[in-house]
Amino acid sequence: MIRGALLIALAALLWATTGIVAKFLFTGTELEAITLGFLRLVVALPFFWLLMRREQGRLRRASPGTRSPGTSLRHLGLKAALPLAALGLFQAFYQGSYLLAVDLTGAGIATLIALCLPPVLVAILAAPLLGEKPGLLTVLSLIAAIFGTAMLVLSDMDTTGTLRLAGILMALLAAVVYTGFTLTSRYNSAGTPVFTTAFICFFTAALILGPVAWLSGGFAGLETLGIQQWLMVAYIGVVPTCIGYVSFFSGMRTTPATLSSIIVTLEPLFVALLAWAFLGEILGPIGIAGALILTAAVIVASRYGGKAGTGADADTAS
């Protein structure tokens, strides 16, 4: 179990580098957030296609002669395909809104809001949508999460001297989209294998983001990228997306879901530390307190909010 926990912590650390590298790209080039989200998916798709093929082959060998909807794309029914397409839609919106929030604010505050609020929101919304009744601690965790988010906004205003409202709103939108992604993934009962789900999700998101980036003129910013910047784009597509994903699910095999969900909450804290070390972003005392309150709210929601906020929900959105 220790090895599994370390692999999940490694995944959280790798995911945390996404916002840091993205901020460097946005600062030094004219690359648009939507375009970076599209490029990230394009780089990662061949890797997940290979993982999906390997996964399907293993399932066919384990159950020869069967044609389970989750085993092959050719036998994927409408009931299974629609939720996966919805996950791809959420993924596209999340990639665009999160990376835009990083561009308009900072990597630390954008990630804290975008990733810490959803598990708490899921724990609350699971009651009317999925019939899972939240307890008192879950409700209190929602109040604490709102309070912690407000403290982060106040800290950002104090350290920057202005209210970066557009970036904050984009981070909140990313949190709402991530919540929808999580609820949809839990509602999907088709049993589609992990890497098949990931490939379809990323492929659908790329199909959505590509035309949006083209129509908005986002590809024009590619002219400002040099070799170093292209390596950064490749890094985001390979290391946090591909390696981080595999590390996470390798760790999940031997780590309880509740423990994995708590370990995953290290990602926003890793981002805050990396943003301070490499980008000079400072939260300030109020921001640090808000980040700790927000993290505590996530842990409570993960522990006492039923299935909400489990580590498995964090996979393809990070």
C-alpha atoms as a PDB file:
ATOM      1  CA  MET A   1       0.000   0.000   0.000  1.00  0.00           C
ATOM      2  CA  ILE A   2       2.944   2.346   0.634  1.00  0.00           C
ATOM      3  CA  ARG A   3       4.100   1.961  -2.961  1.00  0.00           C
ATOM      4  CA  GLY A   4       0.597   2.717  -4.199  1.00  0.00           C
ATOM      5  CA  ALA A   5       0.325   5.806  -2.015  1.00  0.00           C
ATOM      6  CA  LEU A   6       3.682   7.051  -3.315  1.00  0.00           C
ATOM      7  CA  LEU A   7       2.567   6.537  -6.915  1.00  0.00           C
ATOM      8  CA  ILE A   8      -0.586   8.583  -6.289  1.00  0.00           C
ATOM      9  CA  ALA A   9       1.480  11.305  -4.612  1.00  0.00           C
ATOM     10  CA  LEU A  10       3.793  11.276  -7.644  1.00  0.00           C
ATOM     11  CA  ALA A  11       0.770  11.679  -9.927  1.00  0.00           C
ATOM     12  CA  ALA A  12      -0.406  14.654  -7.852  1.00  0.00           C
ATOM     13  CA  LEU A  13       3.040  16.224  -8.142  1.00  0.00           C
ATOM     14  CA  LEU A  14       3.193  15.681 -11.901  1.00  0.00           C
ATOM     15  CA  TRP A  15      -0.306  17.097 -12.366  1.00  0.00           C
ATOM     16  CA  ALA A  16       0.732  20.108 -10.314  1.00  0.00           C
ATOM     17  CA  THR A  17       3.406  21.025 -12.841  1.00  0.00           C
ATOM     18  CA  THR A  18       0.772  21.610 -15.550  1.00  0.00           C
ATOM     19  CA  GLY A  19      -0.234  25.045 -14.302  1.00  0.00           C
ATOM     20  CA  ILE A  20       3.368  26.078 -13.667  1.00  0.00           C
ATOM     21  CA  VAL A  21       4.595  25.221 -17.164  1.00  0.00           C
ATOM     22  CA  ALA A  22       1.433  26.698 -18.687  1.00  0.00           C
ATOM     23  CA  LYS A  23       2.038  29.985 -16.877  1.00  0.00           C
ATOM     24  CA  PHE A  24       5.565  30.129 -18.329  1.00  0.00           C
ATOM     25  CA  LEU A  25       4.104  29.579 -21.799  1.00  0.00           C
ATOM     26  CA  PHE A  26       1.443  32.251 -21.391  1.00  0.00           C
ATOM     27  CA  THR A  27       3.967  34.742 -20.044  1.00  0.00           C
ATOM     28  CA  GLY A  28       6.614  34.260 -22.713  1.00  0.00           C
ATOM     29  CA  THR A  29       4.457  33.686 -25.811  1.00  0.00           C
ATOM     30  CA  GLU A  30       1.120  34.621 -27.344  1.00  0.00           C
ATOM     31  CA  LEU A  31      -0.199  31.077 -26.986  1.00  0.00           C
ATOM     32  CA  GLU A  32      -3.918  30.977 -26.129  1.00  0.00           C
ATOM     33  CA  ALA A  33      -5.243  28.825 -23.286  1.00  0.00           C
ATOM     34  CA  ILE A  34      -7.694  26.970 -25.552  1.00  0.00           C
ATOM     35  CA  THR A  35      -4.915  26.209 -28.031  1.00  0.00           C
ATOM     36  CA  LEU A  36      -2.686  24.813 -25.285  1.00  0.00           C
ATOM     37  CA  GLY A  37      -5.550  22.637 -24.057  1.00  0.00           C
ATOM     38  CA  PHE A  38      -6.013  21.283 -27.579  1.00  0.00           C
ATOM     39  CA  LEU A  39      -2.281  20.651 -28.083  1.00  0.00           C
ATOM     40  CA  ARG A  40      -2.062  18.878 -24.749  1.00  0.00           C
ATOM     41  CA  LEU A  41      -4.761  16.433 -25.806  1.00  0.00           C
ATOM     42  CA  VAL A  42      -3.260  15.911 -29.269  1.00  0.00           C
ATOM     43  CA  VAL A  43       0.101  14.997 -27.742  1.00  0.00           C
ATOM     44  CA  ALA A  44      -1.480  12.610 -25.233  1.00  0.00           C
ATOM     45  CA  LEU A  45      -3.959  10.865 -27.565  1.00  0.00           C
ATOM     46  CA  PRO A  46      -1.551   8.391 -29.255  1.00  0.00           C
ATOM     47  CA  PHE A  47      -0.329   7.260 -25.846  1.00  0.00           C
ATOM     48  CA  PHE A  48      -3.868   6.628 -24.581  1.00  0.00           C
ATOM     49  CA  TRP A  49      -4.788   4.901 -27.843  1.00  0.00           C
ATOM     50  CA  LEU A  50      -1.997   2.393 -27.226  1.00  0.00           C
ATOM     51  CA  LEU A  51      -3.112   1.937 -23.613  1.00  0.00           C
ATOM     52  CA  MET A  52      -6.700   1.416 -24.766  1.00  0.00           C
ATOM     53  CA  ARG A  53      -5.648  -1.211 -27.327  1.00  0.00           C
ATOM     54  CA  ARG A  54      -3.609  -3.017 -24.700  1.00  0.00           C
ATOM     55  CA  GLU A  55      -6.511  -2.859 -22.253  1.00  0.00           C
ATOM     56  CA  GLN A  56      -9.019  -4.222 -24.760  1.00  0.00           C
ATOM     57  CA  GLY A  57      -6.681  -7.024 -25.739  1.00  0.00           C
ATOM     58  CA  ARG A  58      -6.273  -8.019 -22.103  1.00  0.00           C
ATOM     59  CA  LEU A  59     -10.039  -8.011 -21.590  1.00  0.00           C
ATOM     60  CA  ARG A  60     -10.608 -10.167 -24.676  1.00  0.00           C
ATOM     61  CA  ARG A  61      -8.048 -12.694 -23.478  1.00  0.00           C
ATOM     62  CA  ALA A  62      -9.645 -12.763 -20.042  1.00  0.00           C
ATOM     63  CA  SER A  63     -13.142 -13.313 -21.495  1.00  0.00           C
ATOM     64  CA  PRO A  64     -12.755 -15.021 -24.894  1.00  0.00           C
ATOM     65  CA  GLY A  65     -15.856 -15.128 -27.042  1.00  0.00           C
ATOM     66  CA  THR A  66     -17.680 -12.342 -25.192  1.00  0.00           C
ATOM     67  CA  ARG A  67     -18.669  -8.993 -26.660  1.00  0.00           C
ATOM     68  CA  SER A  68     -19.032  -6.702 -23.695  1.00  0.00           C
ATOM     69  CA  PRO A  69     -19.907  -3.064 -24.554  1.00  0.00           C
ATOM     70  CA  GLY A  70     -16.930  -1.955 -22.564  1.00  0.00           C
ATOM     71  CA  THR A  71     -14.505  -4.281 -24.303  1.00  0.00           C
ATOM     72  CA  SER A  72     -14.383  -2.848 -27.824  1.00  0.00           C
ATOM     73  CA  LEU A  73     -15.181   0.480 -29.438  1.00  0.00           C
ATOM     74  CA  ARG A  74     -17.013  -1.381 -32.198  1.00  0.00           C
ATOM     75  CA  HIS A  75     -19.453  -2.812 -29.661  1.00  0.00           C
ATOM     76  CA  LEU A  76     -19.865   0.385 -27.665  1.00  0.00           C
ATOM     77  CA  GLY A  77     -23.604   0.971 -27.384  1.00  0.00           C
ATOM     78  CA  LEU A  78     -25.438   4.296 -27.342  1.00  0.00           C
ATOM     79  CA  LYS A  79     -26.087   3.987 -23.612  1.00  0.00           C
ATOM     80  CA  ALA A  80     -22.344   3.849 -22.958  1.00  0.00           C
ATOM     81  CA  ALA A  81     -21.307   6.300 -25.688  1.00  0.00           C
ATOM     82  CA  LEU A  82     -23.492   9.242 -24.624  1.00  0.00           C
ATOM     83  CA  PRO A  83     -22.056   9.593 -21.083  1.00  0.00           C
ATOM     84  CA  LEU A  84     -18.529   9.259 -22.508  1.00  0.00           C
ATOM     85  CA  ALA A  85     -19.263  12.009 -25.035  1.00  0.00           C
ATOM     86  CA  ALA A  86     -20.593  14.145 -22.170  1.00  0.00           C
ATOM     87  CA  LEU A  87     -17.355  13.524 -20.275  1.00  0.00           C
ATOM     88  CA  GLY A  88     -15.444  14.716 -23.331  1.00  0.00           C
ATOM     89  CA  LEU A  89     -17.547  17.882 -23.436  1.00  0.00           C
ATOM     90  CA  PHE A  90     -16.835  18.558 -19.768  1.00  0.00           C
ATOM     91  CA  GLN A  91     -13.166  17.831 -20.376  1.00  0.00           C
ATOM     92  CA  ALA A  92     -13.025  20.396 -23.180  1.00  0.00           C
ATOM     93  CA  PHE A  93     -14.655  23.092 -21.056  1.00  0.00           C
ATOM     94  CA  TYR A  94     -12.435  22.248 -18.100  1.00  0.00           C
ATOM     95  CA  GLN A  95      -9.211  22.418 -20.109  1.00  0.00           C
ATOM     96  CA  GLY A  96     -10.150  25.796 -21.556  1.00  0.00           C
ATOM     97  CA  SER A  97     -11.478  27.395 -18.368  1.00  0.00           C
ATOM     98  CA  TYR A  98      -8.707  26.112 -16.087  1.00  0.00           C
ATOM     99  CA  LEU A  99      -5.834  27.121 -18.357  1.00  0.00           C
ATOM    100  CA  LEU A 100      -7.483  30.491 -18.980  1.00  0.00           C
ATOM    101  CA  ALA A 101      -7.793  30.966 -15.212  1.00  0.00           C
ATOM    102  CA  VAL A 102      -4.064  30.247 -14.877  1.00  0.00           C
ATOM    103  CA  ASP A 103      -3.360  32.803 -17.591  1.00  0.00           C
ATOM    104  CA  LEU A 104      -5.561  35.510 -16.057  1.00  0.00           C
ATOM    105  CA  THR A 105      -4.583  34.962 -12.413  1.00  0.00           C
ATOM    106  CA  GLY A 106      -1.856  32.672 -11.104  1.00  0.00           C
ATOM    107  CA  ALA A 107      -1.231  28.945 -11.177  1.00  0.00           C
ATOM    108  CA  GLY A 108      -1.623  28.602  -7.413  1.00  0.00           C
ATOM    109  CA  ILE A 109      -4.928  30.353  -6.823  1.00  0.00           C
ATOM    110  CA  ALA A 110      -6.487  29.017 -10.038  1.00  0.00           C
ATOM    111  CA  THR A 111      -5.675  25.412  -9.120  1.00  0.00           C
ATOM    112  CA  LEU A 112      -6.773  25.752  -5.505  1.00  0.00           C
ATOM    113  CA  ILE A 113     -10.192  27.016  -6.565  1.00  0.00           C
ATOM    114  CA  ALA A 114     -10.617  24.764  -9.602  1.00  0.00           C
ATOM    115  CA  LEU A 115      -9.674  21.516  -7.846  1.00  0.00           C
ATOM    116  CA  CYS A 116     -10.625  21.983  -4.200  1.00  0.00           C
ATOM    117  CA  LEU A 117     -14.217  23.140  -4.652  1.00  0.00           C
ATOM    118  CA  PRO A 118     -15.496  20.250  -6.851  1.00  0.00           C
ATOM    119  CA  PRO A 119     -15.245  17.387  -4.312  1.00  0.00           C
ATOM    120  CA  VAL A 120     -17.244  19.460  -1.834  1.00  0.00           C
ATOM    121  CA  LEU A 121     -19.812  20.459  -4.466  1.00  0.00           C
ATOM    122  CA  VAL A 122     -20.129  16.834  -5.558  1.00  0.00           C
ATOM    123  CA  ALA A 123     -20.789  15.734  -1.989  1.00  0.00           C
ATOM    124  CA  ILE A 124     -23.649  18.235  -1.780  1.00  0.00           C
ATOM    125  CA  LEU A 125     -25.122  17.757  -5.276  1.00  0.00           C
ATOM    126  CA  ALA A 126     -25.014  13.967  -4.965  1.00  0.00           C
ATOM    127  CA  ALA A 127     -28.063  14.258  -2.691  1.00  0.00           C
ATOM    128  CA  PRO A 128     -30.601  15.602  -5.219  1.00  0.00           C
ATOM    129  CA  LEU A 129     -28.963  14.060  -8.292  1.00  0.00           C
ATOM    130  CA  LEU A 130     -27.798  10.631  -7.116  1.00  0.00           C
ATOM    131  CA  GLY A 131     -29.817  10.123  -3.947  1.00  0.00           C
ATOM    132  CA  GLU A 132     -26.824  10.257  -1.605  1.00  0.00           C
ATOM    133  CA  LYS A 133     -27.778  12.190   1.510  1.00  0.00           C
ATOM    134  CA  PRO A 134     -25.001  14.492   2.792  1.00  0.00           C
ATOM    135  CA  GLY A 135     -24.262  14.512   6.503  1.00  0.00           C
ATOM    136  CA  LEU A 136     -23.710  17.499   8.750  1.00  0.00           C
ATOM    137  CA  LEU A 137     -19.937  17.365   8.259  1.00  0.00           C
ATOM    138  CA  THR A 138     -20.395  17.495   4.495  1.00  0.00           C
ATOM    139  CA  VAL A 139     -22.582  20.598   4.763  1.00  0.00           C
ATOM    140  CA  LEU A 140     -20.047  22.207   7.087  1.00  0.00           C
ATOM    141  CA  SER A 141     -17.275  21.340   4.639  1.00  0.00           C
ATOM    142  CA  LEU A 142     -19.162  23.233   1.916  1.00  0.00           C
ATOM    143  CA  ILE A 143     -19.408  26.307   4.144  1.00  0.00           C
ATOM    144  CA  ALA A 144     -15.700  26.000   4.959  1.00  0.00           C
ATOM    145  CA  ALA A 145     -14.843  25.635   1.254  1.00  0.00           C
ATOM    146  CA  ILE A 146     -16.744  28.814   0.396  1.00  0.00           C
ATOM    147  CA  PHE A 147     -15.054  30.629   3.265  1.00  0.00           C
ATOM    148  CA  GLY A 148     -11.608  29.362   2.190  1.00  0.00           C
ATOM    149  CA  THR A 149     -12.226  30.423  -1.406  1.00  0.00           C
ATOM    150  CA  ALA A 150     -13.219  33.911  -0.252  1.00  0.00           C
ATOM    151  CA  MET A 151      -9.988  34.122   1.738  1.00  0.00           C
ATOM    152  CA  LEU A 152      -7.994  33.157  -1.356  1.00  0.00           C
ATOM    153  CA  VAL A 153      -9.671  35.921  -3.352  1.00  0.00           C
ATOM    154  CA  LEU A 154      -8.956  38.472  -0.600  1.00  0.00           C
ATOM    155  CA  SER A 155      -5.336  37.323  -0.448  1.00  0.00           C
ATOM    156  CA  ASP A 156      -4.992  37.643  -4.220  1.00  0.00           C
ATOM    157  CA  MET A 157      -6.358  41.187  -4.058  1.00  0.00           C
ATOM    158  CA  ASP A 158      -3.936  42.024  -1.260  1.00  0.00           C
ATOM    159  CA  THR A 159      -0.812  40.669  -3.006  1.00  0.00           C
ATOM    160  CA  THR A 160      -1.611  41.963  -6.507  1.00  0.00           C
ATOM    161  CA  GLY A 161      -3.342  45.193  -5.554  1.00  0.00           C
ATOM    162  CA  THR A 162      -6.355  44.439  -7.764  1.00  0.00           C
ATOM    163  CA  LEU A 163      -9.293  42.072  -8.094  1.00  0.00           C
ATOM    164  CA  ARG A 164      -8.516  39.733 -10.988  1.00  0.00           C
ATOM    165  CA  LEU A 165     -12.217  39.013 -11.361  1.00  0.00           C
ATOM    166  CA  ALA A 166     -12.063  37.417 -14.823  1.00  0.00           C
ATOM    167  CA  GLY A 167      -9.488  34.853 -13.686  1.00  0.00           C
ATOM    168  CA  ILE A 168     -11.390  34.088 -10.478  1.00  0.00           C
ATOM    169  CA  LEU A 169     -14.602  33.562 -12.446  1.00  0.00           C
ATOM    170  CA  MET A 170     -12.777  31.257 -14.873  1.00  0.00           C
ATOM    171  CA  ALA A 171     -11.442  29.218 -11.937  1.00  0.00           C
ATOM    172  CA  LEU A 172     -14.964  28.995 -10.496  1.00  0.00           C
ATOM    173  CA  LEU A 173     -16.259  27.909 -13.920  1.00  0.00           C
ATOM    174  CA  ALA A 174     -13.552  25.231 -14.047  1.00  0.00           C
ATOM    175  CA  ALA A 175     -14.682  24.026 -10.603  1.00  0.00           C
ATOM    176  CA  VAL A 176     -18.312  23.816 -11.749  1.00  0.00           C
ATOM    177  CA  VAL A 177     -17.320  21.966 -14.931  1.00  0.00           C
ATOM    178  CA  TYR A 178     -15.126  19.573 -12.949  1.00  0.00           C
ATOM    179  CA  THR A 179     -18.117  18.926 -10.672  1.00  0.00           C
ATOM    180  CA  GLY A 180     -20.239  18.063 -13.699  1.00  0.00           C
ATOM    181  CA  PHE A 181     -17.478  15.811 -14.991  1.00  0.00           C
ATOM    182  CA  THR A 182     -17.328  13.925 -11.687  1.00  0.00           C
ATOM    183  CA  LEU A 183     -21.091  13.501 -11.357  1.00  0.00           C
ATOM    184  CA  THR A 184     -21.366  12.307 -14.955  1.00  0.00           C
ATOM    185  CA  SER A 185     -18.534   9.811 -14.503  1.00  0.00           C
ATOM    186  CA  ARG A 186     -20.288   8.380 -11.446  1.00  0.00           C
ATOM    187  CA  TYR A 187     -23.656   8.300 -13.180  1.00  0.00           C
ATOM    188  CA  ASN A 188     -22.147   6.336 -16.070  1.00  0.00           C
ATOM    189  CA  SER A 189     -22.786   2.726 -15.135  1.00  0.00           C
ATOM    190  CA  ALA A 190     -21.715   1.211 -18.452  1.00  0.00           C
ATOM    191  CA  GLY A 191     -18.547  -0.203 -16.940  1.00  0.00           C
ATOM    192  CA  THR A 192     -16.323   1.044 -19.755  1.00  0.00           C
ATOM    193  CA  PRO A 193     -12.661   0.236 -18.974  1.00  0.00           C
ATOM    194  CA  VAL A 194     -10.432   3.004 -17.644  1.00  0.00           C
ATOM    195  CA  PHE A 195      -8.177   3.714 -20.614  1.00  0.00           C
ATOM    196  CA  THR A 196     -10.993   3.274 -23.131  1.00  0.00           C
ATOM    197  CA  THR A 197     -12.907   5.915 -21.187  1.00  0.00           C
ATOM    198  CA  ALA A 198      -9.860   8.184 -21.137  1.00  0.00           C
ATOM    199  CA  PHE A 199      -9.232   7.885 -24.874  1.00  0.00           C
ATOM    200  CA  ILE A 200     -12.840   8.597 -25.849  1.00  0.00           C
ATOM    201  CA  CYS A 201     -12.990  11.474 -23.380  1.00  0.00           C
ATOM    202  CA  PHE A 202      -9.768  13.095 -24.618  1.00  0.00           C
ATOM    203  CA  PHE A 203     -10.618  12.451 -28.283  1.00  0.00           C
ATOM    204  CA  THR A 204     -14.036  14.095 -27.911  1.00  0.00           C
ATOM    205  CA  ALA A 205     -12.510  17.048 -26.064  1.00  0.00           C
ATOM    206  CA  ALA A 206      -9.904  17.503 -28.814  1.00  0.00           C
ATOM    207  CA  LEU A 207     -12.635  17.465 -31.475  1.00  0.00           C
ATOM    208  CA  ILE A 208     -14.375  20.287 -29.586  1.00  0.00           C
ATOM    209  CA  LEU A 209     -11.326  22.400 -28.713  1.00  0.00           C
ATOM    210  CA  GLY A 210      -9.726  22.181 -32.178  1.00  0.00           C
ATOM    211  CA  PRO A 211     -12.447  24.085 -34.097  1.00  0.00           C
ATOM    212  CA  VAL A 212     -12.878  26.540 -31.217  1.00  0.00           C
ATOM    213  CA  ALA A 213      -9.163  27.364 -31.239  1.00  0.00           C
ATOM    214  CA  TRP A 214      -9.186  27.724 -35.030  1.00  0.00           C
ATOM    215  CA  LEU A 215     -12.284  29.935 -35.178  1.00  0.00           C
ATOM    216  CA  SER A 216     -10.994  32.166 -32.377  1.00  0.00           C
ATOM    217  CA  GLY A 217      -7.629  32.643 -34.112  1.00  0.00           C
ATOM    218  CA  GLY A 218      -5.799  30.779 -31.362  1.00  0.00           C
ATOM    219  CA  PHE A 219      -3.481  28.962 -33.760  1.00  0.00           C
ATOM    220  CA  ALA A 220      -1.898  32.273 -34.740  1.00  0.00           C
ATOM    221  CA  GLY A 221      -0.073  32.246 -31.415  1.00  0.00           C
ATOM    222  CA  LEU A 222       1.859  29.146 -32.480  1.00  0.00           C
ATOM    223  CA  GLU A 223       4.160  31.396 -34.505  1.00  0.00           C
ATOM    224  CA  THR A 224       5.590  32.799 -31.257  1.00  0.00           C
ATOM    225  CA  LEU A 225       6.702  29.373 -30.008  1.00  0.00           C
ATOM    226  CA  GLY A 226      10.362  28.434 -30.208  1.00  0.00           C
ATOM    227  CA  ILE A 227      11.950  25.037 -29.622  1.00  0.00           C
ATOM    228  CA  GLN A 228      11.959  25.531 -25.847  1.00  0.00           C
ATOM    229  CA  GLN A 229       8.251  26.407 -25.817  1.00  0.00           C
ATOM    230  CA  TRP A 230       7.367  23.418 -27.993  1.00  0.00           C
ATOM    231  CA  LEU A 231       9.238  21.205 -25.525  1.00  0.00           C
ATOM    232  CA  MET A 232       7.094  22.706 -22.764  1.00  0.00           C
ATOM    233  CA  VAL A 233       3.954  21.833 -24.723  1.00  0.00           C
ATOM    234  CA  ALA A 234       5.240  18.289 -25.223  1.00  0.00           C
ATOM    235  CA  TYR A 235       6.039  18.092 -21.507  1.00  0.00           C
ATOM    236  CA  ILE A 236       2.456  19.005 -20.552  1.00  0.00           C
ATOM    237  CA  GLY A 237       1.093  16.408 -22.966  1.00  0.00           C
ATOM    238  CA  VAL A 238       3.431  13.599 -21.891  1.00  0.00           C
ATOM    239  CA  VAL A 239       4.486  13.995 -18.254  1.00  0.00           C
ATOM    240  CA  PRO A 240       1.493  15.247 -16.228  1.00  0.00           C
ATOM    241  CA  THR A 241      -1.101  13.881 -18.663  1.00  0.00           C
ATOM    242  CA  CYS A 242       0.254  10.465 -19.678  1.00  0.00           C
ATOM    243  CA  ILE A 243       2.765   9.502 -16.989  1.00  0.00           C
ATOM    244  CA  GLY A 244       0.713  11.121 -14.226  1.00  0.00           C
ATOM    245  CA  TYR A 245      -2.404   9.247 -15.301  1.00  0.00           C
ATOM    246  CA  VAL A 246      -0.677   5.857 -15.418  1.00  0.00           C
ATOM    247  CA  SER A 247       1.024   6.516 -12.078  1.00  0.00           C
ATOM    248  CA  PHE A 248      -2.322   7.376 -10.508  1.00  0.00           C
ATOM    249  CA  PHE A 249      -4.110   4.229 -11.655  1.00  0.00           C
ATOM    250  CA  SER A 250      -1.146   2.031 -10.817  1.00  0.00           C
ATOM    251  CA  GLY A 251      -1.306   3.382  -7.283  1.00  0.00           C
ATOM    252  CA  MET A 252      -5.094   2.987  -7.131  1.00  0.00           C
ATOM    253  CA  ARG A 253      -4.767  -0.784  -7.522  1.00  0.00           C
ATOM    254  CA  THR A 254      -3.358  -1.150  -4.007  1.00  0.00           C
ATOM    255  CA  THR A 255      -4.591   2.018  -2.284  1.00  0.00           C
ATOM    256  CA  PRO A 256      -8.047   2.432  -0.700  1.00  0.00           C
ATOM    257  CA  ALA A 257     -10.232   5.014  -2.466  1.00  0.00           C
ATOM    258  CA  THR A 258     -10.569   7.222   0.622  1.00  0.00           C
ATOM    259  CA  LEU A 259      -6.822   7.369   1.188  1.00  0.00           C
ATOM    260  CA  SER A 260      -6.187   8.057  -2.507  1.00  0.00           C
ATOM    261  CA  SER A 261      -8.703  10.920  -2.478  1.00  0.00           C
ATOM    262  CA  ILE A 262      -6.853  12.513   0.432  1.00  0.00           C
ATOM    263  CA  ILE A 263      -3.464  12.087  -1.251  1.00  0.00           C
ATOM    264  CA  VAL A 264      -4.815  13.686  -4.441  1.00  0.00           C
ATOM    265  CA  THR A 265      -5.582  16.849  -2.446  1.00  0.00           C
ATOM    266  CA  LEU A 266      -1.823  17.373  -2.363  1.00  0.00           C
ATOM    267  CA  GLU A 267      -1.992  18.553  -5.980  1.00  0.00           C
ATOM    268  CA  PRO A 268      -3.260  22.114  -5.264  1.00  0.00           C
ATOM    269  CA  LEU A 269      -0.772  22.433  -2.416  1.00  0.00           C
ATOM    270  CA  PHE A 270       2.034  21.248  -4.689  1.00  0.00           C
ATOM    271  CA  VAL A 271       0.950  23.863  -7.220  1.00  0.00           C
ATOM    272  CA  ALA A 272       0.992  26.602  -4.582  1.00  0.00           C
ATOM    273  CA  LEU A 273       4.512  25.618  -3.502  1.00  0.00           C
ATOM    274  CA  LEU A 274       5.805  25.349  -7.074  1.00  0.00           C
ATOM    275  CA  ALA A 275       4.174  28.657  -7.999  1.00  0.00           C
ATOM    276  CA  TRP A 276       5.932  30.298  -5.061  1.00  0.00           C
ATOM    277  CA  ALA A 277       9.290  28.698  -5.927  1.00  0.00           C
ATOM    278  CA  PHE A 278       9.297  29.201  -9.722  1.00  0.00           C
ATOM    279  CA  LEU A 279       6.803  31.980 -10.436  1.00  0.00           C
ATOM    280  CA  GLY A 280       7.166  34.130  -7.344  1.00  0.00           C
ATOM    281  CA  GLU A 281       3.432  33.847  -6.572  1.00  0.00           C
ATOM    282  CA  ILE A 282       2.716  34.625  -2.917  1.00  0.00           C
ATOM    283  CA  LEU A 283      -0.546  33.758  -1.216  1.00  0.00           C
ATOM    284  CA  GLY A 284       0.072  35.734   1.960  1.00  0.00           C
ATOM    285  CA  PRO A 285      -1.119  34.760   5.465  1.00  0.00           C
ATOM    286  CA  ILE A 286      -4.816  35.026   4.574  1.00  0.00           C
ATOM    287  CA  GLY A 287      -4.301  32.987   1.401  1.00  0.00           C
ATOM    288  CA  ILE A 288      -2.346  30.284   3.210  1.00  0.00           C
ATOM    289  CA  ALA A 289      -5.086  30.033   5.832  1.00  0.00           C
ATOM    290  CA  GLY A 290      -7.711  29.886   3.088  1.00  0.00           C
ATOM    291  CA  ALA A 291      -5.793  27.160   1.254  1.00  0.00           C
ATOM    292  CA  LEU A 292      -5.555  25.075   4.425  1.00  0.00           C
ATOM    293  CA  ILE A 293      -9.271  25.535   5.155  1.00  0.00           C
ATOM    294  CA  LEU A 294     -10.138  24.595   1.580  1.00  0.00           C
ATOM    295  CA  THR A 295      -7.928  21.505   1.737  1.00  0.00           C
ATOM    296  CA  ALA A 296      -9.450  20.441   5.057  1.00  0.00           C
ATOM    297  CA  ALA A 297     -12.918  20.840   3.528  1.00  0.00           C
ATOM    298  CA  VAL A 298     -11.922  18.550   0.641  1.00  0.00           C
ATOM    299  CA  ILE A 299     -10.604  15.887   3.028  1.00  0.00           C
ATOM    300  CA  VAL A 300     -13.819  15.990   5.085  1.00  0.00           C
ATOM    301  CA  ALA A 301     -15.975  15.813   1.953  1.00  0.00           C
ATOM    302  CA  SER A 302     -13.906  12.887   0.647  1.00  0.00           C
ATOM    303  CA  ARG A 303     -14.074  11.034   3.955  1.00  0.00           C
ATOM    304  CA  TYR A 304     -17.690  11.625   4.930  1.00  0.00           C
ATOM    305  CA  GLY A 305     -19.413  12.525   1.665  1.00  0.00           C
ATOM    306  CA  GLY A 306     -20.100   8.985   0.510  1.00  0.00           C
ATOM    307  CA  LYS A 307     -18.450   8.302  -2.827  1.00  0.00           C
ATOM    308  CA  ALA A 308     -18.016  11.976  -3.566  1.00  0.00           C
ATOM    309  CA  GLY A 309     -14.580  13.222  -4.286  1.00  0.00           C
ATOM    310  CA  THR A 310     -12.901   9.876  -4.560  1.00  0.00           C
ATOM    311  CA  GLY A 311      -9.542   9.691  -6.188  1.00  0.00           C
ATOM    312  CA  ALA A 312     -10.966   7.971  -9.240  1.00  0.00           C
ATOM    313  CA  ASP A 313     -12.867  11.104 -10.110  1.00  0.00           C
ATOM    314  CA  ALA A 314      -9.697  13.115 -10.441  1.00  0.00           C
ATOM    315  CA  ASP A 315      -8.165  11.118 -13.261  1.00  0.00           C
ATOM    316  CA  THR A 316      -8.965  12.613 -16.647  1.00  0.00           C
ATOM    317  CA  ALA A 317      -9.669  16.144 -15.531  1.00  0.00           C
ATOM    318  CA  SER A 318      -6.279  16.941 -14.134  1.00  0.00           C
END
